[in-house]
Amino acid sequence: MVSSSSGVAAVCYKNGTRDRHFVYCQEPAKAAQQKMFAWGYGVMGQLGQGDGKNKTKPVPVVGIDGNPWRVACGLTNTAVITTEGKLYTWGCGQDGQLAHGVDSRLNALVPARAEGLPDDKKVVGVSLGESHSVAVMEDGSVWAWGKNNLGQCGCGVHAKSNDNLFTTGRELPKPYSPGEVKLPAGKKVMSAASGSNHTVAVCTDGSLLVWGSGWDGQLGTGNRRDVFIPVAPEQGEMSSENTAIGVSCGQDFSAVVSSDGALYTFGSNQYGQLGVGDGCLRSSTPLRVRGPLEERKIVKVACGGSHMAAITDEGELYTWGYGRDGNLGHGDKADVGVPKLVEALKGKRIVDVAAGGGHTMALDDKGVLYVFGRGRDGQLGRGDNVESVAAYRPVPVVVDYFGAKKLRIN
């Protein structure tokens, strides 16, 4: 939830070689109206500026009817939910992931209202994959649209097609307008996260549902098969006495925070992103993250393309996984196989974090926003007059643009 007095949200998602940053904030003096900003890679229009260009410093996003509340970024598209429960999308639409009409596969350079969702239900959550989108409604139902070749939309391989929901003529249906995900009877979802081609959802009873690509074990089902209708993952090392309260997904791996503050991961471990050390290429069942976090309580986790960041209940920030862009904040460009404290932020109380493909953001309790990692597309948000857009920052640096404004990541 965004604070009623002041707020900021930042979400980063990365797949492949391109990543982007998206931020919204408000000034305390104007608590009734949130202000949204964007920066980074914008060639597909995902910054909402109408010009399809990169931005090296934060720029305001306009054209949304209502207060921005929650935001998500996909590979080349962006979505935001307003406080009124309306969903707006923009950026790349070549696979129908924007929901701008049944036949629309065009890019959108500015925000536009998503079409096809139930008018009588508010949107309370949104997650974006490489080419698919997922919305959680206030009644616990889930709707999805976009590319579905690997089951990303959770509608089933042999789902009946019609002109209002699916584009026909292909072996697998490809929704261009939102369709309801086939949840098991009695299940209601409260939040969801998407990787490149998969989704993990947390139900109101604390259980998990997964669907989409399972090639690297990122569904946690005990095998590497794709799943076209939501199913529960294997228990793995997760305790049966605790429930899931949070989830985040990277390109081809997933992370779950349990009610006792433990962290579990599954999927690809190519760069050490599962946090379980060497000797594990991938895991198709949940594993407990090893190292110092076994003795700490996790309150927030963020998955980047192939790295992770986690905040403890004491405000410490740990990172691990792919680090060749300096995105772990440890002062080097090395991969790390188990969680490691970001020493440069020691003494700061970190309250929120977001991770992209080659960069990471962290916010402290004073409202100071830190960034580290790759900046070649402007995703560090510091501008050409501060440093080259090709710069790598292997230790945290401050985004000065927001000055004394009180910020908060959603």
Protein backbone atom coordinates (compact mmCIF):
# COMPACT_ATOMS: atom_id res chain seq x y z
CA MET A 1 0.00 0.00 0.00
CA VAL A 2 1.17 3.51 -0.76
CA SER A 3 1.23 5.91 2.17
CA SER A 4 -1.54 8.51 2.26
CA SER A 5 0.94 11.25 3.00
CA SER A 6 3.82 10.41 0.71
CA GLY A 7 4.84 7.53 -1.49
CA VAL A 8 7.02 6.14 -4.21
CA ALA A 9 6.95 2.89 -6.11
CA ALA A 10 9.72 1.36 -8.13
CA VAL A 11 9.67 -1.88 -10.02
CA CYS A 12 12.42 -3.26 -12.24
CA TYR A 13 12.21 -6.31 -14.46
CA LYS A 14 14.80 -7.63 -16.86
CA ASN A 15 15.05 -10.44 -19.33
CA GLY A 16 17.70 -10.87 -22.02
CA THR A 17 20.02 -7.90 -22.46
CA ARG A 18 17.71 -4.96 -21.87
CA ASP A 19 16.27 -3.62 -18.65
CA ARG A 20 14.38 -0.55 -17.54
CA HIS A 21 13.30 1.41 -14.52
CA PHE A 22 9.93 2.78 -13.59
CA VAL A 23 9.13 5.02 -10.62
CA TYR A 24 6.27 7.07 -9.29
CA CYS A 25 6.30 9.42 -6.33
CA GLN A 26 4.46 12.29 -4.69
CA GLU A 27 5.38 15.41 -2.80
CA PRO A 28 4.12 15.52 0.81
CA ALA A 29 2.44 18.86 0.12
CA LYS A 30 0.23 17.21 -2.49
CA ALA A 31 -0.82 14.06 -0.71
CA ALA A 32 -4.05 13.76 -2.71
CA GLN A 33 -2.26 13.30 -6.02
CA GLN A 34 0.50 10.79 -6.61
CA LYS A 35 3.20 11.70 -9.10
CA MET A 36 4.65 9.06 -11.38
CA PHE A 37 8.13 9.15 -12.91
CA ALA A 38 9.99 6.86 -15.29
CA TRP A 39 13.54 6.49 -16.56
CA GLY A 40 15.84 4.06 -18.36
CA TYR A 41 15.27 2.04 -21.53
CA GLY A 42 12.32 3.41 -23.49
CA VAL A 43 12.61 2.37 -27.15
CA MET A 44 9.33 0.42 -27.10
CA GLY A 45 7.47 3.25 -25.40
CA GLN A 46 7.57 1.66 -21.94
CA LEU A 47 8.44 4.97 -20.27
CA GLY A 48 5.15 6.47 -21.44
CA GLN A 49 6.72 9.62 -22.86
CA GLY A 50 5.33 9.38 -26.38
CA ASP A 51 8.74 9.42 -28.04
CA GLY A 52 10.22 5.93 -27.67
CA LYS A 53 13.54 7.19 -26.33
CA ASN A 54 15.75 6.35 -23.35
CA LYS A 55 15.68 8.73 -20.39
CA THR A 56 18.71 9.10 -18.14
CA LYS A 57 16.88 11.04 -15.44
CA PRO A 58 13.38 10.67 -14.00
CA VAL A 59 10.62 12.17 -16.15
CA PRO A 60 6.92 12.47 -15.20
CA VAL A 61 4.36 10.10 -16.68
CA VAL A 62 1.00 11.70 -17.42
CA GLY A 63 -2.27 10.71 -19.07
CA ILE A 64 -3.60 8.44 -16.33
CA ASP A 65 -7.07 9.16 -15.01
CA GLY A 66 -6.70 8.68 -11.27
CA ASN A 67 -4.00 8.27 -8.66
CA PRO A 68 -1.20 5.78 -9.50
CA TRP A 69 -1.06 3.09 -6.83
CA ARG A 70 0.82 -0.05 -7.90
CA VAL A 71 3.17 -0.41 -10.83
CA ALA A 72 4.83 -3.29 -12.68
CA CYS A 73 7.34 -3.52 -15.51
CA GLY A 74 7.72 -6.30 -18.05
CA LEU A 75 10.47 -6.80 -20.58
CA THR A 76 9.31 -3.89 -22.74
CA ASN A 77 5.99 -2.79 -21.27
CA THR A 78 4.63 -1.17 -18.13
CA ALA A 79 1.39 -1.29 -16.14
CA VAL A 80 -0.07 0.73 -13.30
CA ILE A 81 -3.13 0.31 -11.11
CA THR A 82 -4.90 3.44 -9.87
CA THR A 83 -6.36 3.80 -6.39
CA GLU A 84 -9.74 3.39 -8.07
CA GLY A 85 -8.76 -0.09 -9.23
CA LYS A 86 -8.32 0.72 -12.93
CA LEU A 87 -5.45 -0.72 -14.98
CA TYR A 88 -3.39 1.23 -17.52
CA THR A 89 -0.71 -0.27 -19.78
CA TRP A 90 1.82 0.96 -22.34
CA GLY A 91 4.94 -0.08 -24.23
CA CYS A 92 5.35 -3.10 -26.51
CA GLY A 93 2.10 -4.76 -27.56
CA GLN A 94 3.20 -7.17 -30.28
CA ASP A 95 1.84 -10.20 -28.41
CA GLY A 96 -1.33 -8.54 -27.18
CA GLN A 97 0.12 -8.02 -23.70
CA LEU A 98 -1.31 -4.49 -23.39
CA ALA A 99 -4.98 -5.52 -23.73
CA HIS A 100 -5.73 -2.51 -25.92
CA GLY A 101 -8.34 -4.34 -27.97
CA VAL A 102 -8.88 -7.81 -29.39
CA ASP A 103 -6.98 -7.12 -32.61
CA SER A 104 -4.45 -4.68 -31.21
CA ARG A 105 -0.80 -5.71 -31.44
CA LEU A 106 0.57 -2.19 -31.68
CA ASN A 107 3.01 -0.48 -29.33
CA ALA A 108 1.61 2.26 -27.12
CA LEU A 109 3.91 5.21 -26.42
CA VAL A 110 1.60 6.65 -23.75
CA PRO A 111 -0.63 5.04 -21.10
CA ALA A 112 -4.03 3.70 -22.15
CA ARG A 113 -6.73 1.85 -20.22
CA ALA A 114 -6.58 -1.94 -20.47
CA GLU A 115 -9.72 -3.38 -22.07
CA GLY A 116 -11.60 -6.58 -21.36
CA LEU A 117 -11.37 -6.80 -17.57
CA PRO A 118 -14.61 -7.04 -15.55
CA ASP A 119 -16.06 -3.55 -15.07
CA ASP A 120 -17.58 -4.47 -11.72
CA LYS A 121 -14.30 -5.61 -10.14
CA LYS A 122 -11.30 -3.59 -9.05
CA VAL A 123 -7.78 -4.61 -10.02
CA VAL A 124 -5.62 -5.03 -6.89
CA GLY A 125 -2.48 -6.61 -8.34
CA VAL A 126 -0.60 -6.82 -11.63
CA SER A 127 2.50 -8.64 -12.85
CA LEU A 128 4.15 -8.63 -16.26
CA GLY A 129 6.25 -11.28 -17.94
CA GLU A 130 8.22 -11.12 -21.15
CA SER A 131 5.09 -11.10 -23.32
CA HIS A 132 2.17 -11.86 -21.00
CA SER A 133 0.29 -9.97 -18.31
CA VAL A 134 -1.56 -11.06 -15.17
CA ALA A 135 -4.10 -9.11 -13.12
CA VAL A 136 -5.44 -10.02 -9.67
CA MET A 137 -8.97 -8.81 -8.94
CA GLU A 138 -10.48 -7.79 -5.61
CA ASP A 139 -12.60 -10.96 -5.50
CA GLY A 140 -9.52 -13.20 -5.75
CA SER A 141 -9.96 -14.09 -9.40
CA VAL A 142 -7.02 -13.85 -11.81
CA TRP A 143 -7.09 -12.68 -15.41
CA ALA A 144 -4.30 -13.06 -17.98
CA TRP A 145 -3.55 -12.15 -21.58
CA GLY A 146 -0.73 -12.04 -24.12
CA LYS A 147 1.57 -14.80 -25.33
CA ASN A 148 0.46 -18.28 -24.32
CA ASN A 149 2.73 -20.73 -26.15
CA LEU A 150 4.05 -22.10 -22.84
CA GLY A 151 0.87 -21.81 -20.80
CA GLN A 152 1.64 -18.31 -19.52
CA CYS A 153 -2.05 -17.35 -19.44
CA GLY A 154 -3.21 -20.36 -17.41
CA CYS A 155 -6.16 -21.07 -19.70
CA GLY A 156 -5.29 -24.63 -20.70
CA VAL A 157 -3.81 -26.10 -23.87
CA HIS A 158 -7.19 -27.06 -25.31
CA ALA A 159 -9.18 -24.08 -24.07
CA LYS A 160 -12.15 -23.31 -26.27
CA SER A 161 -11.47 -20.26 -28.41
CA ASN A 162 -13.80 -17.47 -29.39
CA ASP A 163 -13.42 -14.12 -31.09
CA ASN A 164 -13.73 -12.18 -27.84
CA LEU A 165 -10.98 -13.96 -25.96
CA PHE A 166 -8.59 -15.77 -28.23
CA THR A 167 -7.02 -15.32 -31.62
CA THR A 168 -7.61 -18.65 -33.33
CA GLY A 169 -5.80 -20.50 -36.09
CA ARG A 170 -2.92 -21.68 -33.93
CA GLU A 171 -2.38 -24.90 -32.04
CA LEU A 172 -2.25 -22.99 -28.77
CA PRO A 173 -4.65 -20.13 -27.98
CA LYS A 174 -3.10 -16.69 -27.68
CA PRO A 175 -5.27 -14.29 -25.68
CA TYR A 176 -5.21 -10.67 -26.86
CA SER A 177 -7.97 -9.69 -24.43
CA PRO A 178 -8.02 -10.72 -20.75
CA GLY A 179 -9.43 -14.13 -19.95
CA GLU A 180 -10.00 -15.65 -16.53
CA VAL A 181 -7.30 -18.03 -15.29
CA LYS A 182 -8.67 -21.46 -14.37
CA LEU A 183 -8.04 -21.58 -10.62
CA PRO A 184 -8.79 -24.75 -8.65
CA ALA A 185 -12.20 -24.78 -6.99
CA GLY A 186 -12.34 -22.65 -3.86
CA LYS A 187 -9.01 -20.92 -4.43
CA LYS A 188 -8.70 -17.15 -4.33
CA VAL A 189 -5.49 -15.27 -5.10
CA MET A 190 -4.21 -12.24 -3.20
CA SER A 191 -0.96 -11.56 -5.10
CA ALA A 192 1.06 -12.83 -8.06
CA ALA A 193 4.50 -12.43 -9.61
CA SER A 194 5.63 -13.27 -13.13
CA GLY A 195 8.96 -14.29 -14.60
CA SER A 196 9.73 -14.33 -18.29
CA ASN A 197 7.18 -17.02 -19.09
CA HIS A 198 5.74 -18.20 -15.79
CA THR A 199 3.65 -16.98 -12.88
CA VAL A 200 3.52 -17.83 -9.17
CA ALA A 201 0.47 -16.78 -7.15
CA VAL A 202 -0.15 -16.60 -3.40
CA CYS A 203 -3.66 -17.62 -2.38
CA THR A 204 -5.65 -16.17 0.51
CA ASP A 205 -5.14 -19.41 2.46
CA GLY A 206 -1.35 -19.09 2.14
CA SER A 207 -0.96 -21.79 -0.49
CA LEU A 208 0.77 -21.37 -3.86
CA LEU A 209 -0.32 -21.86 -7.45
CA VAL A 210 2.01 -21.93 -10.46
CA TRP A 211 1.66 -22.06 -14.24
CA GLY A 212 3.57 -21.40 -17.45
CA SER A 213 7.06 -22.47 -18.47
CA GLY A 214 8.77 -25.00 -16.24
CA TRP A 215 11.91 -25.61 -18.30
CA ASP A 216 14.33 -24.65 -15.51
CA GLY A 217 12.20 -25.91 -12.63
CA GLN A 218 10.86 -22.42 -11.90
CA LEU A 219 7.38 -23.79 -11.16
CA GLY A 220 8.64 -25.97 -8.30
CA THR A 221 6.49 -28.91 -9.41
CA GLY A 222 9.24 -31.52 -9.17
CA ASN A 223 9.74 -31.68 -12.92
CA ARG A 224 10.57 -29.37 -15.83
CA ARG A 225 7.29 -29.59 -17.73
CA ASP A 226 5.22 -26.59 -18.75
CA VAL A 227 1.91 -26.13 -16.92
CA PHE A 228 -1.15 -24.76 -18.74
CA ILE A 229 -3.63 -24.70 -15.84
CA PRO A 230 -2.59 -23.58 -12.31
CA VAL A 231 -1.35 -26.31 -9.99
CA ALA A 232 0.28 -26.39 -6.56
CA PRO A 233 4.09 -26.76 -6.44
CA GLU A 234 5.84 -29.44 -4.43
CA GLN A 235 6.43 -28.80 -0.73
CA GLY A 236 10.19 -29.34 -1.08
CA GLU A 237 12.04 -27.91 1.90
CA MET A 238 9.20 -25.54 2.78
CA SER A 239 7.76 -26.15 6.22
CA SER A 240 4.17 -27.42 6.21
CA GLU A 241 3.57 -25.44 9.40
CA ASN A 242 3.97 -22.07 7.68
CA THR A 243 2.20 -20.38 4.80
CA ALA A 244 3.40 -18.23 1.93
CA ILE A 245 3.08 -14.47 2.40
CA GLY A 246 5.16 -13.09 -0.47
CA VAL A 247 6.54 -14.08 -3.85
CA SER A 248 8.88 -12.70 -6.49
CA CYS A 249 10.00 -14.11 -9.84
CA GLY A 250 13.13 -13.64 -11.92
CA GLN A 251 13.71 -14.59 -15.52
CA ASP A 252 13.61 -18.34 -14.87
CA PHE A 253 13.46 -18.77 -11.10
CA SER A 254 11.09 -18.02 -8.24
CA ALA A 255 11.30 -17.00 -4.58
CA VAL A 256 8.79 -17.38 -1.76
CA VAL A 257 8.78 -15.79 1.70
CA SER A 258 6.98 -17.85 4.35
CA SER A 259 5.06 -16.62 7.37
CA ASP A 260 8.01 -17.34 9.68
CA GLY A 261 10.34 -15.15 7.60
CA ALA A 262 12.16 -18.00 5.86
CA LEU A 263 13.09 -17.70 2.17
CA TYR A 264 12.74 -20.48 -0.40
CA THR A 265 13.78 -20.55 -4.06
CA PHE A 266 13.43 -22.83 -7.09
CA GLY A 267 14.36 -22.76 -10.76
CA SER A 268 17.62 -21.92 -12.51
CA ASN A 269 20.76 -21.51 -10.43
CA GLN A 270 23.09 -20.70 -13.33
CA TYR A 271 24.51 -17.64 -11.59
CA GLY A 272 23.87 -18.65 -7.99
CA GLN A 273 20.53 -16.84 -7.85
CA LEU A 274 18.88 -19.53 -5.72
CA GLY A 275 21.26 -18.71 -2.88
CA VAL A 276 22.04 -22.34 -2.09
CA GLY A 277 25.73 -22.37 -2.97
CA ASP A 278 27.68 -24.27 -5.60
CA GLY A 279 26.87 -27.68 -7.02
CA CYS A 280 23.26 -26.99 -7.97
CA LEU A 281 22.48 -26.10 -11.58
CA ARG A 282 18.74 -25.87 -10.97
CA SER A 283 16.07 -27.11 -8.60
CA SER A 284 12.53 -28.13 -9.51
CA THR A 285 11.40 -28.11 -5.87
CA PRO A 286 11.65 -25.33 -3.24
CA LEU A 287 14.99 -25.09 -1.42
CA ARG A 288 15.75 -23.10 1.73
CA VAL A 289 18.20 -20.28 1.01
CA ARG A 290 21.51 -21.01 2.72
CA GLY A 291 24.05 -18.89 4.55
CA PRO A 292 23.40 -15.96 6.90
CA LEU A 293 19.71 -15.67 5.98
CA GLU A 294 19.00 -19.02 7.63
CA GLU A 295 19.31 -17.18 10.94
CA ARG A 296 17.42 -14.05 9.91
CA LYS A 297 13.82 -13.12 9.23
CA ILE A 298 13.07 -11.86 5.72
CA VAL A 299 10.47 -9.14 5.25
CA LYS A 300 10.92 -8.34 1.56
CA VAL A 301 12.51 -10.04 -1.44
CA ALA A 302 13.04 -8.87 -5.02
CA CYS A 303 14.16 -10.97 -7.98
CA GLY A 304 16.03 -9.40 -10.87
CA GLY A 305 16.77 -11.14 -14.15
CA SER A 306 19.25 -13.55 -12.52
CA HIS A 307 19.97 -12.06 -9.10
CA MET A 308 18.14 -11.50 -5.84
CA ALA A 309 17.94 -8.98 -3.03
CA ALA A 310 16.37 -9.47 0.39
CA ILE A 311 15.70 -7.23 3.38
CA THR A 312 15.79 -8.56 6.93
CA ASP A 313 13.58 -7.40 9.78
CA GLU A 314 16.57 -5.38 11.03
CA GLY A 315 16.80 -3.40 7.80
CA GLU A 316 19.86 -5.16 6.38
CA LEU A 317 20.15 -5.70 2.63
CA TYR A 318 21.57 -8.94 1.23
CA THR A 319 22.18 -9.68 -2.46
CA TRP A 320 23.37 -12.68 -4.46
CA GLY A 321 23.32 -14.30 -7.90
CA TYR A 322 24.41 -12.65 -11.15
CA GLY A 323 26.76 -9.78 -10.31
CA ARG A 324 28.72 -9.06 -13.48
CA ASP A 325 27.19 -5.61 -13.85
CA GLY A 326 28.01 -4.56 -10.29
CA ASN A 327 24.33 -5.01 -9.50
CA LEU A 328 24.96 -6.77 -6.18
CA GLY A 329 26.54 -3.66 -4.68
CA HIS A 330 29.60 -5.46 -3.29
CA GLY A 331 32.17 -3.30 -5.06
CA ASP A 332 33.04 -5.85 -7.74
CA LYS A 333 31.50 -7.61 -10.73
CA ALA A 334 31.43 -11.16 -9.42
CA ASP A 335 28.60 -13.66 -9.11
CA VAL A 336 27.73 -14.71 -5.56
CA GLY A 337 26.23 -18.09 -4.70
CA VAL A 338 24.91 -17.37 -1.20
CA PRO A 339 23.43 -14.19 0.32
CA LYS A 340 25.98 -11.50 1.14
CA LEU A 341 25.46 -8.31 3.12
CA VAL A 342 25.74 -5.07 1.13
CA GLU A 343 28.42 -3.52 3.33
CA ALA A 344 28.12 -0.06 1.77
CA LEU A 345 24.60 0.23 3.21
CA LYS A 346 25.52 -1.06 6.65
CA GLY A 347 24.14 1.33 9.23
CA LYS A 348 21.28 2.33 6.94
CA ARG A 349 17.88 0.86 7.62
CA ILE A 350 16.67 -0.39 4.25
CA VAL A 351 12.89 -0.54 3.98
CA ASP A 352 12.35 -1.56 0.37
CA VAL A 353 14.16 -2.91 -2.67
CA ALA A 354 13.63 -3.57 -6.37
CA ALA A 355 15.84 -5.48 -8.80
CA GLY A 356 16.31 -5.28 -12.57
CA GLY A 357 18.42 -7.30 -14.95
CA GLY A 358 21.71 -5.54 -14.28
CA HIS A 359 20.82 -3.01 -11.61
CA THR A 360 19.23 -2.77 -8.16
CA MET A 361 17.43 -0.06 -6.16
CA ALA A 362 17.19 0.25 -2.40
CA LEU A 363 15.34 2.74 -0.22
CA ASP A 364 16.21 3.60 3.37
CA ASP A 365 13.94 4.81 6.15
CA LYS A 366 15.01 8.41 5.52
CA GLY A 367 13.58 8.28 2.01
CA VAL A 368 16.97 8.16 0.28
CA LEU A 369 16.99 6.14 -2.94
CA TYR A 370 20.16 4.18 -3.79
CA VAL A 371 20.99 2.52 -7.12
CA PHE A 372 23.82 0.27 -8.23
CA GLY A 373 24.74 -1.80 -11.26
CA ARG A 374 24.58 -1.12 -14.99
CA GLY A 375 23.54 2.28 -16.31
CA ARG A 376 24.06 2.12 -20.05
CA ASP A 377 20.36 2.67 -20.80
CA GLY A 378 19.96 5.36 -18.16
CA GLN A 379 18.41 3.02 -15.60
CA LEU A 380 20.48 4.44 -12.74
CA GLY A 381 18.55 7.68 -13.17
CA ARG A 382 21.50 9.96 -12.47
CA GLY A 383 21.71 11.70 -15.85
CA ASP A 384 24.44 12.41 -18.39
CA ASN A 385 25.62 15.40 -16.41
CA VAL A 386 26.50 13.18 -13.45
CA GLU A 387 28.08 10.20 -15.16
CA SER A 388 28.26 8.45 -18.50
CA VAL A 389 25.17 6.47 -19.37
CA ALA A 390 27.53 3.53 -19.93
CA ALA A 391 28.73 3.69 -16.33
CA TYR A 392 28.66 0.75 -13.96
CA ARG A 393 28.28 1.50 -10.27
CA PRO A 394 29.35 -1.55 -8.22
CA VAL A 395 28.53 0.21 -4.95
CA PRO A 396 25.33 2.11 -4.08
CA VAL A 397 25.01 5.73 -5.23
CA VAL A 398 22.18 8.16 -4.53
CA VAL A 399 19.55 9.28 -7.03
CA ASP A 400 19.61 13.01 -6.34
CA TYR A 401 16.70 14.00 -8.56
CA PHE A 402 14.04 13.70 -5.86
CA GLY A 403 15.90 15.93 -3.41
CA ALA A 404 14.18 16.22 -0.07
CA LYS A 405 11.00 14.49 -1.19
CA LYS A 406 9.97 11.63 1.06
CA LEU A 407 10.00 8.43 -0.99
CA ARG A 408 8.65 4.97 -0.50
CA ILE A 409 8.87 1.95 -2.79
CA ASN A 410 5.65 -0.01 -3.20
